[in-house]
Amino acid sequence: MKYDIKFPARKYQDKGVEKTFWTTHGNLWVDDLTKKMTIQLDSLPLKEFTGKLWVFELSEFAPKNQFGDGSSHDDDIQF
């Protein structure tokens, strides 16, 4: 089973309701047979990071990334 590792980056208002903007920083996998867990961190938040991250079950309705459109938004700068 796969989970998202997220961080509450900021609060915002949507139609008068306060909501949280979550950024995704990796995944946690749980092996169904052995129940062992594996974490892959792709990034770490910089703003007000206390070392605490949140883990959420994947939802079919959740956006594929923090941009909400499923695209990767990778930099095209060649090093």
N, C-alpha and C. Protein backbone atom coordinates (compact mmCIF):
# COMPACT_ATOMS: atom_id res chain seq x y z
N MET A 1 0.84 -1.17 0.00
CA MET A 1 0.00 0.00 0.00
C MET A 1 0.90 1.25 0.00
N LYS A 2 0.48 2.28 -0.72
CA LYS A 2 1.28 3.49 -0.88
C LYS A 2 0.58 4.68 -0.23
N TYR A 3 1.36 5.52 0.45
CA TYR A 3 0.84 6.72 1.11
C TYR A 3 1.66 7.93 0.66
N ASP A 4 1.05 9.10 0.72
CA ASP A 4 1.76 10.35 0.43
C ASP A 4 2.31 10.95 1.72
N ILE A 5 3.50 11.52 1.63
CA ILE A 5 4.10 12.26 2.74
C ILE A 5 3.95 13.74 2.42
N LYS A 6 3.26 14.48 3.30
CA LYS A 6 2.91 15.87 3.00
C LYS A 6 3.28 16.80 4.15
N PHE A 7 3.27 18.10 3.83
CA PHE A 7 3.56 19.15 4.80
C PHE A 7 2.56 20.28 4.60
N PRO A 8 1.99 20.82 5.70
CA PRO A 8 1.05 21.94 5.58
C PRO A 8 1.81 23.24 5.30
N ALA A 9 1.91 23.61 4.04
CA ALA A 9 2.76 24.73 3.64
C ALA A 9 2.20 26.09 4.03
N ARG A 10 0.87 26.25 3.90
CA ARG A 10 0.27 27.55 4.24
C ARG A 10 -1.23 27.41 4.36
N LYS A 11 -1.84 28.41 4.96
CA LYS A 11 -3.30 28.51 5.05
C LYS A 11 -3.78 29.49 4.00
N TYR A 12 -5.00 29.27 3.50
CA TYR A 12 -5.60 30.19 2.55
C TYR A 12 -7.11 30.17 2.72
N GLN A 13 -7.78 31.15 2.14
CA GLN A 13 -9.23 31.26 2.21
C GLN A 13 -9.84 30.86 0.87
N ASP A 14 -10.90 30.04 0.92
CA ASP A 14 -11.64 29.65 -0.27
C ASP A 14 -13.12 29.81 0.04
N LYS A 15 -13.74 30.82 -0.56
CA LYS A 15 -15.16 31.10 -0.33
C LYS A 15 -15.45 31.28 1.15
N GLY A 16 -14.54 31.99 1.84
CA GLY A 16 -14.73 32.28 3.26
C GLY A 16 -14.35 31.17 4.21
N VAL A 17 -13.86 30.05 3.68
CA VAL A 17 -13.47 28.91 4.52
C VAL A 17 -11.95 28.80 4.52
N GLU A 18 -11.36 28.71 5.73
CA GLU A 18 -9.91 28.54 5.82
C GLU A 18 -9.54 27.11 5.47
N LYS A 19 -8.56 26.97 4.56
CA LYS A 19 -8.08 25.66 4.12
C LYS A 19 -6.57 25.61 4.22
N THR A 20 -6.02 24.40 4.09
CA THR A 20 -4.57 24.20 4.16
C THR A 20 -4.06 23.76 2.79
N PHE A 21 -2.98 24.40 2.34
CA PHE A 21 -2.30 23.99 1.11
C PHE A 21 -1.21 23.01 1.51
N TRP A 22 -1.33 21.77 1.04
CA TRP A 22 -0.38 20.71 1.38
C TRP A 22 0.60 20.50 0.23
N THR A 23 1.89 20.41 0.55
CA THR A 23 2.89 20.06 -0.46
C THR A 23 3.31 18.61 -0.23
N THR A 24 3.53 17.90 -1.32
CA THR A 24 3.92 16.49 -1.26
C THR A 24 5.45 16.39 -1.32
N HIS A 25 6.02 15.60 -0.39
CA HIS A 25 7.48 15.51 -0.30
C HIS A 25 8.01 14.08 -0.41
N GLY A 26 7.14 13.12 -0.70
CA GLY A 26 7.60 11.76 -0.87
C GLY A 26 6.47 10.77 -0.69
N ASN A 27 6.87 9.51 -0.51
CA ASN A 27 5.90 8.43 -0.35
C ASN A 27 6.35 7.46 0.73
N LEU A 28 5.38 6.78 1.31
CA LEU A 28 5.63 5.69 2.25
C LEU A 28 4.94 4.46 1.67
N TRP A 29 5.65 3.36 1.62
CA TRP A 29 5.09 2.10 1.14
C TRP A 29 5.07 1.10 2.29
N VAL A 30 3.99 0.32 2.36
CA VAL A 30 3.88 -0.77 3.34
C VAL A 30 3.72 -2.05 2.54
N ASP A 31 4.66 -2.98 2.74
CA ASP A 31 4.60 -4.28 2.08
C ASP A 31 3.43 -5.08 2.67
N ASP A 32 2.53 -5.54 1.82
CA ASP A 32 1.34 -6.25 2.28
C ASP A 32 1.66 -7.55 3.01
N LEU A 33 2.73 -8.22 2.61
CA LEU A 33 3.07 -9.50 3.22
C LEU A 33 3.87 -9.36 4.51
N THR A 34 4.93 -8.56 4.46
CA THR A 34 5.83 -8.47 5.61
C THR A 34 5.48 -7.33 6.55
N LYS A 35 4.64 -6.38 6.09
CA LYS A 35 4.26 -5.18 6.86
C LYS A 35 5.43 -4.23 7.09
N LYS A 36 6.55 -4.46 6.39
CA LYS A 36 7.68 -3.54 6.49
C LYS A 36 7.37 -2.25 5.74
N MET A 37 7.89 -1.15 6.26
CA MET A 37 7.64 0.16 5.67
C MET A 37 8.90 0.72 5.03
N THR A 38 8.72 1.41 3.91
CA THR A 38 9.81 2.07 3.20
C THR A 38 9.39 3.51 2.94
N ILE A 39 10.31 4.44 3.18
CA ILE A 39 10.04 5.86 2.94
C ILE A 39 10.98 6.37 1.87
N GLN A 40 10.42 7.11 0.92
CA GLN A 40 11.23 7.81 -0.09
C GLN A 40 10.91 9.29 0.04
N LEU A 41 11.91 10.09 0.45
CA LEU A 41 11.74 11.54 0.52
C LEU A 41 12.33 12.15 -0.73
N ASP A 42 11.52 12.91 -1.46
CA ASP A 42 11.96 13.58 -2.68
C ASP A 42 12.43 15.00 -2.39
N SER A 43 11.93 15.57 -1.31
CA SER A 43 12.29 16.94 -0.93
C SER A 43 11.92 17.15 0.53
N LEU A 44 12.37 18.27 1.08
CA LEU A 44 11.99 18.67 2.43
C LEU A 44 11.49 20.10 2.38
N PRO A 45 10.47 20.42 3.16
CA PRO A 45 10.00 21.80 3.20
C PRO A 45 11.03 22.69 3.90
N LEU A 46 11.10 23.92 3.50
CA LEU A 46 12.05 24.85 4.12
C LEU A 46 11.37 25.79 5.10
N LYS A 47 10.19 26.23 4.77
CA LYS A 47 9.49 27.22 5.58
C LYS A 47 8.93 26.61 6.86
N GLU A 48 9.40 27.09 8.00
CA GLU A 48 8.89 26.69 9.31
C GLU A 48 8.86 25.17 9.51
N PHE A 49 9.83 24.47 8.98
CA PHE A 49 9.87 23.01 9.09
C PHE A 49 10.42 22.61 10.45
N THR A 50 9.63 21.85 11.20
CA THR A 50 10.02 21.40 12.54
C THR A 50 10.50 19.95 12.54
N GLY A 51 10.54 19.32 11.36
CA GLY A 51 10.92 17.92 11.27
C GLY A 51 9.72 17.00 11.23
N LYS A 52 8.52 17.56 11.36
CA LYS A 52 7.29 16.76 11.37
C LYS A 52 6.63 16.79 10.00
N LEU A 53 6.33 15.59 9.46
CA LEU A 53 5.61 15.45 8.20
C LEU A 53 4.36 14.62 8.46
N TRP A 54 3.37 14.72 7.59
CA TRP A 54 2.12 14.00 7.73
C TRP A 54 2.02 12.94 6.64
N VAL A 55 1.38 11.81 6.97
CA VAL A 55 1.20 10.72 6.02
C VAL A 55 -0.30 10.56 5.75
N PHE A 56 -0.65 10.53 4.45
CA PHE A 56 -2.05 10.41 4.05
C PHE A 56 -2.22 9.22 3.11
N GLU A 57 -3.34 8.51 3.27
CA GLU A 57 -3.68 7.47 2.30
C GLU A 57 -3.94 8.12 0.96
N LEU A 58 -3.57 7.43 -0.11
CA LEU A 58 -3.85 7.94 -1.44
C LEU A 58 -5.35 7.87 -1.70
N SER A 59 -5.85 8.89 -2.37
CA SER A 59 -7.26 8.95 -2.72
C SER A 59 -7.38 9.10 -4.22
N GLU A 60 -8.37 8.45 -4.80
CA GLU A 60 -8.53 8.57 -6.25
C GLU A 60 -8.94 9.98 -6.65
N PHE A 61 -9.42 10.78 -5.70
CA PHE A 61 -9.86 12.14 -5.99
C PHE A 61 -8.78 13.18 -5.68
N ALA A 62 -7.68 12.76 -5.05
CA ALA A 62 -6.62 13.70 -4.69
C ALA A 62 -5.81 14.08 -5.93
N PRO A 63 -5.32 15.33 -5.98
CA PRO A 63 -4.45 15.71 -7.09
C PRO A 63 -3.18 14.88 -7.08
N LYS A 64 -2.59 14.68 -8.25
CA LYS A 64 -1.39 13.86 -8.36
C LYS A 64 -0.16 14.56 -7.81
N ASN A 65 -0.20 15.88 -7.68
CA ASN A 65 0.91 16.63 -7.10
C ASN A 65 0.37 17.92 -6.51
N GLN A 66 1.24 18.75 -5.94
CA GLN A 66 0.76 19.96 -5.29
C GLN A 66 0.24 20.99 -6.27
N PHE A 67 0.48 20.81 -7.58
CA PHE A 67 -0.02 21.76 -8.56
C PHE A 67 -1.44 21.40 -8.98
N GLY A 68 -1.91 20.21 -8.65
CA GLY A 68 -3.29 19.83 -8.86
C GLY A 68 -3.63 19.34 -10.26
N ASP A 69 -2.66 19.33 -11.17
CA ASP A 69 -3.00 18.96 -12.53
C ASP A 69 -2.33 17.68 -13.01
N GLY A 70 -1.55 17.04 -12.17
CA GLY A 70 -0.91 15.79 -12.54
C GLY A 70 0.37 15.93 -13.32
N SER A 71 0.74 17.16 -13.70
CA SER A 71 1.98 17.34 -14.45
C SER A 71 3.16 17.39 -13.50
N SER A 72 4.34 17.19 -14.04
CA SER A 72 5.51 17.08 -13.18
C SER A 72 6.16 18.42 -12.86
N HIS A 73 5.99 19.43 -13.72
CA HIS A 73 6.58 20.76 -13.52
C HIS A 73 8.08 20.68 -13.25
N ASP A 74 8.75 19.77 -13.90
CA ASP A 74 10.20 19.64 -13.73
C ASP A 74 10.92 20.83 -14.37
N ASP A 75 12.03 21.21 -13.78
CA ASP A 75 12.87 22.24 -14.39
C ASP A 75 13.50 21.69 -15.65
N ASP A 76 13.68 22.55 -16.65
CA ASP A 76 14.31 22.11 -17.87
C ASP A 76 15.74 22.62 -17.98
N ILE A 77 16.31 23.03 -16.85
CA ILE A 77 17.69 23.50 -16.83
C ILE A 77 18.62 22.30 -16.86
N GLN A 78 19.53 22.29 -17.83
CA GLN A 78 20.48 21.20 -17.95
C GLN A 78 21.75 21.53 -17.17
N PHE A 79 22.22 20.61 -16.36
CA PHE A 79 23.44 20.81 -15.59
C PHE A 79 24.54 19.96 -16.14
